[in-house]
Full PDB file with SEQRES, HELIX, SHEET, SSBOND, CRYST1, ORIGX, SCALE, CONECT and MASTER records, all heavy atoms in Angstrom:
SEQRES   1 A   38  CYS TYR ASP LEU ALA ARG ALA ARG GLY LEU SER LEU ALA          
SEQRES   2 A   38  ASN ALA ASP ILE THR LEU ILE ALA GLU ARG PRO ARG VAL          
SEQRES   3 A   38  ARG ASP HIS VAL GLU GLU MET ARG ILE VAL LEU ALA              
HELIX    1 AA1 TYR A    2  ALA A    7  1                                   6    
HELIX    2 AA2 ARG A   27  HIS A   29  5                                   3    
HELIX    3 AA3 VAL A   30  LEU A   37  1                                   8    
CRYST1    1.000    1.000    1.000  90.00  90.00  90.00 P 1           1          
ORIGX1      1.000000  0.000000  0.000000        0.00000                         
ORIGX2      0.000000  1.000000  0.000000        0.00000                         
ORIGX3      0.000000  0.000000  1.000000        0.00000                         
SCALE1      1.000000  0.000000  0.000000        0.00000                         
SCALE2      0.000000  1.000000  0.000000        0.00000                         
SCALE3      0.000000  0.000000  1.000000        0.00000                         
ATOM      1  N   CYS A   1     322.997 115.403  36.159  1.00  0.00           N  
ATOM      2  CA  CYS A   1     322.258 115.662  37.401  1.00  0.00           C  
ATOM      3  C   CYS A   1     323.215 115.693  38.597  1.00  0.00           C  
ATOM      4  O   CYS A   1     323.098 116.553  39.474  1.00  0.00           O  
ATOM      5  CB  CYS A   1     321.188 114.593  37.616  1.00  0.00           C  
ATOM      6  SG  CYS A   1     319.827 114.668  36.439  1.00  0.00           S  
ATOM      7  N   TYR A   2     324.159 114.761  38.613  1.00  0.00           N  
ATOM      8  CA  TYR A   2     325.109 114.727  39.727  1.00  0.00           C  
ATOM      9  C   TYR A   2     326.052 115.930  39.697  1.00  0.00           C  
ATOM     10  O   TYR A   2     326.450 116.438  40.753  1.00  0.00           O  
ATOM     11  CB  TYR A   2     325.888 113.414  39.724  1.00  0.00           C  
ATOM     12  CG  TYR A   2     326.671 113.196  40.997  1.00  0.00           C  
ATOM     13  CD1 TYR A   2     326.070 113.334  42.246  1.00  0.00           C  
ATOM     14  CD2 TYR A   2     328.010 112.837  40.953  1.00  0.00           C  
ATOM     15  CE1 TYR A   2     326.786 113.132  43.411  1.00  0.00           C  
ATOM     16  CE2 TYR A   2     328.731 112.627  42.117  1.00  0.00           C  
ATOM     17  CZ  TYR A   2     328.121 112.782  43.342  1.00  0.00           C  
ATOM     18  OH  TYR A   2     328.840 112.578  44.496  1.00  0.00           O  
ATOM     19  N   ASP A   3     326.372 116.414  38.514  1.00  0.00           N  
ATOM     20  CA  ASP A   3     327.192 117.624  38.407  1.00  0.00           C  
ATOM     21  C   ASP A   3     326.500 118.817  39.064  1.00  0.00           C  
ATOM     22  O   ASP A   3     327.170 119.686  39.634  1.00  0.00           O  
ATOM     23  CB  ASP A   3     327.500 117.950  36.943  1.00  0.00           C  
ATOM     24  CG  ASP A   3     328.555 117.035  36.345  1.00  0.00           C  
ATOM     25  OD1 ASP A   3     329.237 116.314  37.109  1.00  0.00           O  
ATOM     26  OD2 ASP A   3     328.682 117.017  35.099  1.00  0.00           O  
ATOM     27  N   LEU A   4     325.168 118.844  39.013  1.00  0.00           N  
ATOM     28  CA  LEU A   4     324.426 119.922  39.687  1.00  0.00           C  
ATOM     29  C   LEU A   4     324.617 119.848  41.202  1.00  0.00           C  
ATOM     30  O   LEU A   4     324.719 120.879  41.873  1.00  0.00           O  
ATOM     31  CB  LEU A   4     322.935 119.838  39.338  1.00  0.00           C  
ATOM     32  CG  LEU A   4     322.577 120.094  37.875  1.00  0.00           C  
ATOM     33  CD1 LEU A   4     321.110 119.752  37.616  1.00  0.00           C  
ATOM     34  CD2 LEU A   4     322.881 121.540  37.492  1.00  0.00           C  
ATOM     35  N   ALA A   5     324.682 118.633  41.728  1.00  0.00           N  
ATOM     36  CA  ALA A   5     324.929 118.457  43.168  1.00  0.00           C  
ATOM     37  C   ALA A   5     326.348 118.887  43.517  1.00  0.00           C  
ATOM     38  O   ALA A   5     326.569 119.616  44.497  1.00  0.00           O  
ATOM     39  CB  ALA A   5     324.701 117.001  43.570  1.00  0.00           C  
ATOM     40  N   ARG A   6     327.294 118.444  42.729  1.00  0.00           N  
ATOM     41  CA  ARG A   6     328.691 118.800  42.981  1.00  0.00           C  
ATOM     42  C   ARG A   6     328.911 120.311  42.909  1.00  0.00           C  
ATOM     43  O   ARG A   6     329.694 120.856  43.686  1.00  0.00           O  
ATOM     44  CB  ARG A   6     329.600 118.103  41.980  1.00  0.00           C  
ATOM     45  CG  ARG A   6     329.752 116.631  42.242  1.00  0.00           C  
ATOM     46  CD  ARG A   6     330.679 116.048  41.217  1.00  0.00           C  
ATOM     47  NE  ARG A   6     331.061 114.700  41.573  1.00  0.00           N  
ATOM     48  CZ  ARG A   6     331.852 113.951  40.834  1.00  0.00           C  
ATOM     49  NH1 ARG A   6     332.362 114.418  39.707  1.00  0.00           N  
ATOM     50  NH2 ARG A   6     332.149 112.738  41.205  1.00  0.00           N  
ATOM     51  N   ALA A   7     328.227 120.973  41.992  1.00  0.00           N  
ATOM     52  CA  ALA A   7     328.357 122.426  41.859  1.00  0.00           C  
ATOM     53  C   ALA A   7     327.864 123.147  43.109  1.00  0.00           C  
ATOM     54  O   ALA A   7     328.262 124.277  43.378  1.00  0.00           O  
ATOM     55  CB  ALA A   7     327.581 122.922  40.636  1.00  0.00           C  
ATOM     56  N   ARG A   8     327.030 122.476  43.894  1.00  0.00           N  
ATOM     57  CA  ARG A   8     326.521 123.035  45.149  1.00  0.00           C  
ATOM     58  C   ARG A   8     327.313 122.535  46.353  1.00  0.00           C  
ATOM     59  O   ARG A   8     326.910 122.704  47.489  1.00  0.00           O  
ATOM     60  CB  ARG A   8     325.045 122.701  45.291  1.00  0.00           C  
ATOM     61  CG  ARG A   8     324.167 123.486  44.328  1.00  0.00           C  
ATOM     62  CD  ARG A   8     322.797 122.847  44.143  1.00  0.00           C  
ATOM     63  NE  ARG A   8     321.949 123.667  43.293  1.00  0.00           N  
ATOM     64  CZ  ARG A   8     322.055 123.756  41.972  1.00  0.00           C  
ATOM     65  NH1 ARG A   8     322.999 123.082  41.342  1.00  0.00           N  
ATOM     66  NH2 ARG A   8     321.232 124.512  41.267  1.00  0.00           N  
ATOM     67  N   GLY A   9     328.439 121.862  46.081  1.00  0.00           N  
ATOM     68  CA  GLY A   9     329.296 121.372  47.157  1.00  0.00           C  
ATOM     69  C   GLY A   9     328.790 120.104  47.821  1.00  0.00           C  
ATOM     70  O   GLY A   9     329.224 119.774  48.927  1.00  0.00           O  
ATOM     71  N   LEU A  10     327.892 119.375  47.164  1.00  0.00           N  
ATOM     72  CA  LEU A  10     327.316 118.164  47.741  1.00  0.00           C  
ATOM     73  C   LEU A  10     327.895 116.927  47.071  1.00  0.00           C  
ATOM     74  O   LEU A  10     328.272 116.955  45.898  1.00  0.00           O  
ATOM     75  CB  LEU A  10     325.792 118.172  47.580  1.00  0.00           C  
ATOM     76  CG  LEU A  10     325.073 119.313  48.292  1.00  0.00           C  
ATOM     77  CD1 LEU A  10     323.631 119.428  47.802  1.00  0.00           C  
ATOM     78  CD2 LEU A  10     325.111 119.096  49.795  1.00  0.00           C  
ATOM     79  N   SER A  11     327.935 115.831  47.821  1.00  0.00           N  
ATOM     80  CA  SER A  11     328.372 114.552  47.268  1.00  0.00           C  
ATOM     81  C   SER A  11     327.415 113.463  47.729  1.00  0.00           C  
ATOM     82  O   SER A  11     326.698 113.619  48.724  1.00  0.00           O  
ATOM     83  CB  SER A  11     329.804 114.226  47.690  1.00  0.00           C  
ATOM     84  OG  SER A  11     329.874 114.112  49.094  1.00  0.00           O  
ATOM     85  N   LEU A  12     327.440 112.358  47.020  1.00  0.00           N  
ATOM     86  CA  LEU A  12     326.528 111.259  47.309  1.00  0.00           C  
ATOM     87  C   LEU A  12     327.014 110.452  48.508  1.00  0.00           C  
ATOM     88  O   LEU A  12     328.104 109.882  48.474  1.00  0.00           O  
ATOM     89  CB  LEU A  12     326.408 110.345  46.082  1.00  0.00           C  
ATOM     90  CG  LEU A  12     325.443 109.182  46.208  1.00  0.00           C  
ATOM     91  CD1 LEU A  12     323.999 109.688  46.241  1.00  0.00           C  
ATOM     92  CD2 LEU A  12     325.642 108.212  45.050  1.00  0.00           C  
ATOM     93  N   ALA A  13     326.203 110.426  49.559  1.00  0.00           N  
ATOM     94  CA  ALA A  13     326.505 109.559  50.702  1.00  0.00           C  
ATOM     95  C   ALA A  13     326.087 108.137  50.367  1.00  0.00           C  
ATOM     96  O   ALA A  13     326.836 107.191  50.598  1.00  0.00           O  
ATOM     97  CB  ALA A  13     325.783 110.041  51.953  1.00  0.00           C  
ATOM     98  N   ASN A  14     324.881 107.976  49.818  1.00  0.00           N  
ATOM     99  CA  ASN A  14     324.434 106.665  49.354  1.00  0.00           C  
ATOM    100  C   ASN A  14     323.193 106.809  48.490  1.00  0.00           C  
ATOM    101  O   ASN A  14     322.498 107.825  48.523  1.00  0.00           O  
ATOM    102  CB  ASN A  14     324.170 105.700  50.509  1.00  0.00           C  
ATOM    103  CG  ASN A  14     322.888 105.995  51.242  1.00  0.00           C  
ATOM    104  OD1 ASN A  14     322.718 107.076  51.786  1.00  0.00           O  
ATOM    105  ND2 ASN A  14     321.973 105.035  51.241  1.00  0.00           N  
ATOM    106  N   ALA A  15     322.967 105.764  47.699  1.00  0.00           N  
ATOM    107  CA  ALA A  15     321.762 105.642  46.883  1.00  0.00           C  
ATOM    108  C   ALA A  15     321.190 104.254  47.111  1.00  0.00           C  
ATOM    109  O   ALA A  15     321.938 103.267  47.132  1.00  0.00           O  
ATOM    110  CB  ALA A  15     322.079 105.838  45.410  1.00  0.00           C  
ATOM    111  N   ASP A  16     319.880 104.184  47.296  1.00  0.00           N  
ATOM    112  CA  ASP A  16     319.189 102.915  47.485  1.00  0.00           C  
ATOM    113  C   ASP A  16     318.130 102.822  46.398  1.00  0.00           C  
ATOM    114  O   ASP A  16     317.229 103.660  46.328  1.00  0.00           O  
ATOM    115  CB  ASP A  16     318.560 102.857  48.876  1.00  0.00           C  
ATOM    116  CG  ASP A  16     317.927 101.512  49.174  1.00  0.00           C  
ATOM    117  OD1 ASP A  16     318.330 100.504  48.563  1.00  0.00           O  
ATOM    118  OD2 ASP A  16     317.015 101.468  50.028  1.00  0.00           O  
ATOM    119  N   ILE A  17     318.252 101.824  45.530  1.00  0.00           N  
ATOM    120  CA  ILE A  17     317.424 101.711  44.339  1.00  0.00           C  
ATOM    121  C   ILE A  17     316.721 100.362  44.335  1.00  0.00           C  
ATOM    122  O   ILE A  17     317.335  99.330  44.636  1.00  0.00           O  
ATOM    123  CB  ILE A  17     318.300 101.831  43.071  1.00  0.00           C  
ATOM    124  CG1 ILE A  17     319.103 103.135  43.102  1.00  0.00           C  
ATOM    125  CG2 ILE A  17     317.449 101.718  41.805  1.00  0.00           C  
ATOM    126  CD1 ILE A  17     320.325 103.123  42.222  1.00  0.00           C  
ATOM    127  N   THR A  18     315.431 100.374  43.952  1.00  0.00           N  
ATOM    128  CA  THR A  18     314.673  99.137  43.806  1.00  0.00           C  
ATOM    129  C   THR A  18     314.066  99.073  42.416  1.00  0.00           C  
ATOM    130  O   THR A  18     313.339  99.984  42.012  1.00  0.00           O  
ATOM    131  CB  THR A  18     313.539  99.037  44.854  1.00  0.00           C  
ATOM    132  OG1 THR A  18     314.099  99.132  46.163  1.00  0.00           O  
ATOM    133  CG2 THR A  18     312.792  97.718  44.725  1.00  0.00           C  
ATOM    134  N   LEU A  19     314.390  98.019  41.680  1.00  0.00           N  
ATOM    135  CA  LEU A  19     313.744  97.734  40.404  1.00  0.00           C  
ATOM    136  C   LEU A  19     312.503  96.910  40.700  1.00  0.00           C  
ATOM    137  O   LEU A  19     312.553  95.959  41.477  1.00  0.00           O  
ATOM    138  CB  LEU A  19     314.693  96.942  39.491  1.00  0.00           C  
ATOM    139  CG  LEU A  19     314.084  96.473  38.161  1.00  0.00           C  
ATOM    140  CD1 LEU A  19     313.798  97.661  37.245  1.00  0.00           C  
ATOM    141  CD2 LEU A  19     315.002  95.464  37.489  1.00  0.00           C  
ATOM    142  N   ILE A  20     311.380  97.267  40.065  1.00  0.00           N  
ATOM    143  CA  ILE A  20     310.122  96.545  40.249  1.00  0.00           C  
ATOM    144  C   ILE A  20     309.749  95.959  38.887  1.00  0.00           C  
ATOM    145  O   ILE A  20     309.365  96.699  37.974  1.00  0.00           O  
ATOM    146  CB  ILE A  20     309.022  97.485  40.772  1.00  0.00           C  
ATOM    147  CG1 ILE A  20     309.521  98.240  42.009  1.00  0.00           C  
ATOM    148  CG2 ILE A  20     307.754  96.694  41.089  1.00  0.00           C  
ATOM    149  CD1 ILE A  20     308.746  99.496  42.315  1.00  0.00           C  
ATOM    150  N   ALA A  21     309.889  94.644  38.747  1.00  0.00           N  
ATOM    151  CA  ALA A  21     309.649  93.986  37.464  1.00  0.00           C  
ATOM    152  C   ALA A  21     309.458  92.491  37.668  1.00  0.00           C  
ATOM    153  O   ALA A  21     310.109  91.900  38.528  1.00  0.00           O  
ATOM    154  CB  ALA A  21     310.827  94.224  36.520  1.00  0.00           C  
ATOM    155  N   GLU A  22     308.573  91.917  36.875  1.00  0.00           N  
ATOM    156  CA  GLU A  22     308.448  90.460  36.855  1.00  0.00           C  
ATOM    157  C   GLU A  22     309.586  89.874  36.017  1.00  0.00           C  
ATOM    158  O   GLU A  22     310.145  88.852  36.345  1.00  0.00           O  
ATOM    159  CB  GLU A  22     307.096  90.045  36.263  1.00  0.00           C  
ATOM    160  CG  GLU A  22     305.889  90.510  37.058  1.00  0.00           C  
ATOM    161  CD  GLU A  22     305.746  89.852  38.408  1.00  0.00           C  
ATOM    162  OE1 GLU A  22     306.132  88.674  38.577  1.00  0.00           O  
ATOM    163  OE2 GLU A  22     305.227  90.530  39.322  1.00  0.00           O  
ATOM    164  N   ARG A  23     309.887  90.538  34.927  1.00  0.00           N  
ATOM    165  CA  ARG A  23     310.956  90.176  34.015  1.00  0.00           C  
ATOM    166  C   ARG A  23     311.575  91.457  33.497  1.00  0.00           C  
ATOM    167  O   ARG A  23     310.867  92.442  33.350  1.00  0.00           O  
ATOM    168  CB  ARG A  23     310.431  89.351  32.825  1.00  0.00           C  
ATOM    169  CG  ARG A  23     309.823  88.032  33.207  1.00  0.00           C  
ATOM    170  CD  ARG A  23     310.912  86.960  33.285  1.00  0.00           C  
ATOM    171  NE  ARG A  23     310.346  85.642  33.539  1.00  0.00           N  
ATOM    172  CZ  ARG A  23     310.267  85.080  34.742  1.00  0.00           C  
ATOM    173  NH1 ARG A  23     310.705  85.720  35.789  1.00  0.00           N  
ATOM    174  NH2 ARG A  23     309.768  83.887  34.893  1.00  0.00           N  
ATOM    175  N   PRO A  24     312.822  91.508  33.157  1.00  0.00           N  
ATOM    176  CA  PRO A  24     313.795  90.428  33.255  1.00  0.00           C  
ATOM    177  C   PRO A  24     314.293  90.261  34.687  1.00  0.00           C  
ATOM    178  O   PRO A  24     314.211  91.181  35.498  1.00  0.00           O  
ATOM    179  CB  PRO A  24     314.924  90.908  32.349  1.00  0.00           C  
ATOM    180  CG  PRO A  24     314.879  92.396  32.458  1.00  0.00           C  
ATOM    181  CD  PRO A  24     313.416  92.729  32.597  1.00  0.00           C  
ATOM    182  N   ARG A  25     314.818  89.104  34.952  1.00  0.00           N  
ATOM    183  CA  ARG A  25     315.474  88.856  36.232  1.00  0.00           C  
ATOM    184  C   ARG A  25     316.855  89.504  36.158  1.00  0.00           C  
ATOM    185  O   ARG A  25     317.554  89.351  35.165  1.00  0.00           O  
ATOM    186  CB  ARG A  25     315.609  87.361  36.501  1.00  0.00           C  
ATOM    187  CG  ARG A  25     314.291  86.641  36.583  1.00  0.00           C  
ATOM    188  CD  ARG A  25     313.545  87.024  37.820  1.00  0.00           C  
ATOM    189  NE  ARG A  25     312.356  86.199  37.963  1.00  0.00           N  
ATOM    190  CZ  ARG A  25     311.474  86.355  38.918  1.00  0.00           C  
ATOM    191  NH1 ARG A  25     311.637  87.303  39.813  1.00  0.00           N  
ATOM    192  NH2 ARG A  25     310.427  85.589  38.983  1.00  0.00           N  
ATOM    193  N   VAL A  26     317.234  90.217  37.208  1.00  0.00           N  
ATOM    194  CA  VAL A  26     318.483  90.988  37.136  1.00  0.00           C  
ATOM    195  C   VAL A  26     319.552  90.541  38.131  1.00  0.00           C  
ATOM    196  O   VAL A  26     320.624  91.138  38.175  1.00  0.00           O  
ATOM    197  CB  VAL A  26     318.214  92.500  37.315  1.00  0.00           C  
ATOM    198  CG1 VAL A  26     317.376  93.031  36.178  1.00  0.00           C  
ATOM    199  CG2 VAL A  26     317.602  92.796  38.665  1.00  0.00           C  
ATOM    200  N   ARG A  27     319.279  89.522  38.889  1.00  0.00           N  
ATOM    201  CA  ARG A  27     320.220  89.086  39.931  1.00  0.00           C  
ATOM    202  C   ARG A  27     321.656  88.996  39.416  1.00  0.00           C  
ATOM    203  O   ARG A  27     322.592  89.444  40.076  1.00  0.00           O  
ATOM    204  CB  ARG A  27     319.781  87.743  40.514  1.00  0.00           C  
ATOM    205  CG  ARG A  27     320.755  87.206  41.559  1.00  0.00           C  
ATOM    206  CD  ARG A  27     320.288  85.913  42.182  1.00  0.00           C  
ATOM    207  NE  ARG A  27     319.076  86.178  42.952  1.00  0.00           N  
ATOM    208  CZ  ARG A  27     317.967  85.429  42.891  1.00  0.00           C  
ATOM    209  NH1 ARG A  27     317.914  84.382  42.097  1.00  0.00           N  
ATOM    210  NH2 ARG A  27     316.925  85.734  43.619  1.00  0.00           N  
ATOM    211  N   ASP A  28     321.834  88.435  38.232  1.00  0.00           N  
ATOM    212  CA  ASP A  28     323.182  88.245  37.686  1.00  0.00           C  
ATOM    213  C   ASP A  28     323.808  89.534  37.163  1.00  0.00           C  
ATOM    214  O   ASP A  28     324.973  89.522  36.762  1.00  0.00           O  
ATOM    215  CB  ASP A  28     323.155  87.209  36.559  1.00  0.00           C  
ATOM    216  CG  ASP A  28     322.784  85.821  37.060  1.00  0.00           C  
ATOM    217  OD1 ASP A  28     322.927  85.549  38.271  1.00  0.00           O  
ATOM    218  OD2 ASP A  28     322.348  85.000  36.226  1.00  0.00           O  
ATOM    219  N   HIS A  29     323.064  90.636  37.166  1.00  0.00           N  
ATOM    220  CA  HIS A  29     323.557  91.899  36.613  1.00  0.00           C  
ATOM    221  C   HIS A  29     323.729  93.003  37.663  1.00  0.00           C  
ATOM    222  O   HIS A  29     324.290  94.047  37.360  1.00  0.00           O  
ATOM    223  CB  HIS A  29     322.605  92.392  35.519  1.00  0.00           C  
ATOM    224  CG  HIS A  29     322.376  91.386  34.445  1.00  0.00           C  
ATOM    225  ND1 HIS A  29     323.258  91.184  33.412  1.00  0.00           N  
ATOM    226  CD2 HIS A  29     321.368  90.495  34.262  1.00  0.00           C  
ATOM    227  CE1 HIS A  29     322.801  90.223  32.629  1.00  0.00           C  
ATOM    228  NE2 HIS A  29     321.658  89.787  33.123  1.00  0.00           N  
ATOM    229  N   VAL A  30     323.255  92.755  38.870  1.00  0.00           N  
ATOM    230  CA  VAL A  30     323.249  93.799  39.900  1.00  0.00           C  
ATOM    231  C   VAL A  30     324.652  94.307  40.222  1.00  0.00           C  
ATOM    232  O   VAL A  30     324.870  95.518  40.327  1.00  0.00           O  
ATOM    233  CB  VAL A  30     322.514  93.317  41.171  1.00  0.00           C  
ATOM    234  CG1 VAL A  30     322.786  94.249  42.351  1.00  0.00           C  
ATOM    235  CG2 VAL A  30     321.023  93.218  40.907  1.00  0.00           C  
ATOM    236  N   GLU A  31     325.608  93.434  40.380  1.00  0.00           N  
ATOM    237  CA  GLU A  31     326.960  93.897  40.732  1.00  0.00           C  
ATOM    238  C   GLU A  31     327.558  94.760  39.630  1.00  0.00           C  
ATOM    239  O   GLU A  31     328.205  95.771  39.910  1.00  0.00           O  
ATOM    240  CB  GLU A  31     327.872  92.728  41.087  1.00  0.00           C  
ATOM    241  CG  GLU A  31     327.526  92.099  42.424  1.00  0.00           C  
ATOM    242  CD  GLU A  31     327.394  93.112  43.562  1.00  0.00           C  
ATOM    243  OE1 GLU A  31     328.343  93.908  43.775  1.00  0.00           O  
ATOM    244  OE2 GLU A  31     326.339  93.117  44.230  1.00  0.00           O  
ATOM    245  N   GLU A  32     327.334  94.380  38.383  1.00  0.00           N  
ATOM    246  CA  GLU A  32     327.827  95.199  37.277  1.00  0.00           C  
ATOM    247  C   GLU A  32     327.143  96.570  37.277  1.00  0.00           C  
ATOM    248  O   GLU A  32     327.787  97.594  37.036  1.00  0.00           O  
ATOM    249  CB  GLU A  32     327.606  94.498  35.941  1.00  0.00           C  
ATOM    250  CG  GLU A  32     328.199  95.254  34.767  1.00  0.00           C  
ATOM    251  CD  GLU A  32     327.984  94.560  33.432  1.00  0.00           C  
ATOM    252  OE1 GLU A  32     327.374  93.472  33.374  1.00  0.00           O  
ATOM    253  OE2 GLU A  32     328.437  95.138  32.420  1.00  0.00           O  
ATOM    254  N   MET A  33     325.839  96.594  37.561  1.00  0.00           N  
ATOM    255  CA  MET A  33     325.121  97.874  37.658  1.00  0.00           C  
ATOM    256  C   MET A  33     325.720  98.751  38.754  1.00  0.00           C  
ATOM    257  O   MET A  33     325.926  99.948  38.552  1.00  0.00           O  
ATOM    258  CB  MET A  33     323.636  97.639  37.954  1.00  0.00           C  
ATOM    259  CG  MET A  33     322.847  97.012  36.856  1.00  0.00           C  
ATOM    260  SD  MET A  33     321.149  96.736  37.444  1.00  0.00           S  
ATOM    261  CE  MET A  33     320.574  95.546  36.260  1.00  0.00           C  
ATOM    262  N   ARG A  34     325.997  98.154  39.898  1.00  0.00           N  
ATOM    263  CA  ARG A  34     326.584  98.914  41.004  1.00  0.00           C  
ATOM    264  C   ARG A  34     327.934  99.493  40.611  1.00  0.00           C  
ATOM    265  O   ARG A  34     328.236 100.644  40.945  1.00  0.00           O  
ATOM    266  CB  ARG A  34     326.718  98.024  42.247  1.00  0.00           C  
ATOM    267  CG  ARG A  34     325.378  97.652  42.867  1.00  0.00           C  
ATOM    268  CD  ARG A  34     325.533  96.745  44.065  1.00  0.00           C  
ATOM    269  NE  ARG A  34     326.203  97.469  45.143  1.00  0.00           N  
ATOM    270  CZ  ARG A  34     327.064  96.900  45.989  1.00  0.00           C  
ATOM    271  NH1 ARG A  34     327.382  95.626  45.893  1.00  0.00           N  
ATOM    272  NH2 ARG A  34     327.615  97.617  46.945  1.00  0.00           N  
ATOM    273  N   ILE A  35     328.734  98.716  39.910  1.00  0.00           N  
ATOM    274  CA  ILE A  35     330.050  99.196  39.461  1.00  0.00           C  
ATOM    275  C   ILE A  35     329.885 100.355  38.488  1.00  0.00           C  
ATOM    276  O   ILE A  35     330.568 101.383  38.615  1.00  0.00           O  
ATOM    277  CB  ILE A  35     330.853  98.040  38.825  1.00  0.00           C  
ATOM    278  CG1 ILE A  35     331.257  97.025  39.894  1.00  0.00           C  
ATOM    279  CG2 ILE A  35     332.065  98.567  38.070  1.00  0.00           C  
ATOM    280  CD1 ILE A  35     331.785  95.711  39.329  1.00  0.00           C  
ATOM    281  N   VAL A  36     328.987 100.224  37.526  1.00  0.00           N  
ATOM    282  CA  VAL A  36     328.761 101.280  36.528  1.00  0.00           C  
ATOM    283  C   VAL A  36     328.310 102.569  37.207  1.00  0.00           C  
ATOM    284  O   VAL A  36     328.859 103.647  36.949  1.00  0.00           O  
ATOM    285  CB  VAL A  36     327.725 100.828  35.469  1.00  0.00           C  
ATOM    286  CG1 VAL A  36     327.235 102.000  34.635  1.00  0.00           C  
ATOM    287  CG2 VAL A  36     328.317  99.745  34.573  1.00  0.00           C  
ATOM    288  N   LEU A  37     327.318 102.463  38.081  1.00  0.00           N  
ATOM    289  CA  LEU A  37     326.789 103.667  38.737  1.00  0.00           C  
ATOM    290  C   LEU A  37     327.833 104.295  39.659  1.00  0.00           C  
ATOM    291  O   LEU A  37     328.002 105.515  39.674  1.00  0.00           O  
ATOM    292  CB  LEU A  37     325.509 103.348  39.506  1.00  0.00           C  
ATOM    293  CG  LEU A  37     324.332 102.861  38.653  1.00  0.00           C  
ATOM    294  CD1 LEU A  37     323.123 102.581  39.534  1.00  0.00           C  
ATOM    295  CD2 LEU A  37     323.989 103.834  37.547  1.00  0.00           C  
ATOM    296  N   ALA A  38     328.532 103.478  40.430  1.00  0.00           N  
ATOM    297  CA  ALA A  38     329.561 104.007  41.327  1.00  0.00           C  
ATOM    298  C   ALA A  38     330.668 104.694  40.541  1.00  0.00           C  
ATOM    299  O   ALA A  38     331.148 105.765  40.927  1.00  0.00           O  
ATOM    300  CB  ALA A  38     330.133 102.885  42.193  1.00  0.00           C  
TER     301      ALA A  38                                                      
MASTER        0    0    0    3    0    0    0    6  300    1    0    3          
END                                                                             
């Protein structure tokens, strides 16, 4: 999907994501998720 943006000369300025869940708790995993996505 991001390659489609790049092919149009666009790049990601920012992404803001919200997980909505009672479980699992993700606080201890958020930084790793940010690293993976970035």
